[in-house]
Protein backbone atom coordinates (compact mmCIF):
# COMPACT_ATOMS: atom_id res chain seq x y z
CA UNK A 1 -13.86 -103.97 -118.64
CA UNK A 2 -11.88 -103.14 -121.75
CA UNK A 3 -8.14 -103.73 -121.48
CA UNK A 4 -5.79 -101.53 -123.21
CA UNK A 5 -3.10 -103.18 -125.39
CA UNK A 6 0.27 -102.64 -124.79
CA UNK A 7 2.18 -101.02 -128.05
CA UNK A 8 5.72 -101.94 -128.53
CA UNK A 9 8.43 -99.61 -129.89
CA UNK A 10 7.92 -101.22 -133.22
CA UNK A 11 4.18 -101.09 -133.34
CA UNK A 12 4.50 -97.24 -132.44
CA UNK A 13 7.01 -96.83 -135.29
CA UNK A 14 4.89 -98.92 -137.88
CA UNK A 15 1.72 -96.78 -136.68
CA UNK A 16 3.53 -93.40 -137.15
CA UNK A 17 4.37 -94.50 -140.62
CA UNK A 18 0.98 -95.45 -141.40
CA UNK A 19 -0.35 -91.86 -139.97
CA UNK A 20 2.41 -90.12 -142.20
CA UNK A 21 0.98 -92.04 -145.51
CA UNK A 22 -2.47 -90.94 -144.65
CA UNK A 23 -1.39 -87.42 -144.42
CA UNK A 24 -3.73 -86.09 -141.81
CA UNK A 25 -6.90 -87.49 -143.87
CA UNK A 26 -9.67 -89.46 -142.56
CA UNK A 27 -8.48 -93.04 -142.92
CA UNK A 28 -9.32 -96.70 -141.84
CA UNK A 29 -6.39 -99.02 -141.24
CA UNK A 30 -5.93 -102.54 -141.42
CA UNK A 31 -3.03 -104.45 -139.87
CA UNK A 32 -1.90 -107.56 -141.91
CA UNK A 33 0.73 -110.23 -142.34
CA UNK A 34 -0.04 -110.75 -145.79
CA UNK A 35 0.65 -107.53 -147.64
CA UNK A 36 2.19 -109.32 -150.78
CA UNK A 37 -1.18 -111.50 -151.02
CA UNK A 38 -3.26 -107.99 -150.86
CA UNK A 39 -1.05 -106.23 -153.35
CA UNK A 40 -1.30 -109.35 -155.80
CA UNK A 41 -4.98 -109.92 -155.66
CA UNK A 42 -6.29 -106.36 -154.67
CA UNK A 43 -8.48 -108.11 -152.02
CA UNK A 44 -8.67 -108.02 -148.30
CA UNK A 45 -9.35 -111.83 -147.47
CA UNK A 46 -11.19 -112.52 -144.18
CA UNK A 47 -9.45 -114.57 -141.49
CA UNK A 48 -9.56 -118.18 -140.96
CA UNK A 49 -10.24 -119.82 -138.64
CA UNK A 50 -13.22 -117.97 -137.05
CA UNK A 51 -15.80 -115.68 -138.21
CA UNK A 52 -15.61 -114.54 -141.64
CA UNK A 53 -14.61 -110.77 -141.37
CA UNK A 54 -12.10 -108.38 -142.10
CA UNK A 55 -11.41 -105.63 -139.35
CA UNK A 56 -10.65 -102.23 -139.83
CA UNK A 57 -9.78 -99.44 -137.22
CA UNK A 58 -9.47 -95.81 -137.16
CA UNK A 59 -6.33 -96.20 -134.86
CA UNK A 60 -3.10 -96.71 -136.61
CA UNK A 61 -1.60 -98.26 -133.42
CA UNK A 62 -4.37 -101.00 -133.13
CA UNK A 63 -3.62 -101.98 -136.76
CA UNK A 64 0.07 -101.73 -136.30
CA UNK A 65 -0.33 -104.13 -133.11
CA UNK A 66 -2.16 -106.92 -135.26
CA UNK A 67 0.18 -106.48 -137.97
CA UNK A 68 3.06 -107.31 -136.00
CA UNK A 69 1.52 -110.17 -134.18
CA UNK A 70 3.29 -113.32 -135.47
CA UNK A 71 1.20 -116.32 -136.91
CA UNK A 72 2.08 -119.85 -137.90
CA UNK A 73 1.20 -119.20 -141.38
CA UNK A 74 1.94 -115.70 -142.74
CA UNK A 75 4.47 -113.87 -145.02
CA UNK A 76 6.81 -113.12 -142.42
CA UNK A 77 6.41 -109.31 -141.73
CA UNK A 78 3.47 -107.18 -141.03
CA UNK A 79 2.25 -104.03 -142.71
CA UNK A 80 -0.76 -101.63 -142.28
CA UNK A 81 -3.03 -100.71 -145.24
CA UNK A 82 -4.47 -97.41 -145.45
CA UNK A 83 -8.05 -96.74 -147.26
CA UNK A 84 -9.87 -93.39 -147.20
CA UNK A 85 -13.66 -93.71 -146.91
CA UNK A 86 -16.02 -91.09 -148.64
CA UNK A 87 -17.55 -89.62 -145.29
CA UNK A 88 -19.64 -86.89 -145.65
């Protein structure tokens, strides 16, 4: 059984800003606590520990939820990055 995530007011606000930036275009979102590293390197690094993967979602709320999860080792704030796949 799937359990739905509980979105906070902050997550909904961050998700709304990400959707607004996407301007109703077909988008994939990535929630992160390493925005500065991504901007500096231009690379999405996989999570550690665990399986080496980068997760993308079509839901800005899901991305915002994970962007706002505090970790022991992060940059101190969350952000949502957006990419626009060439879907035909």
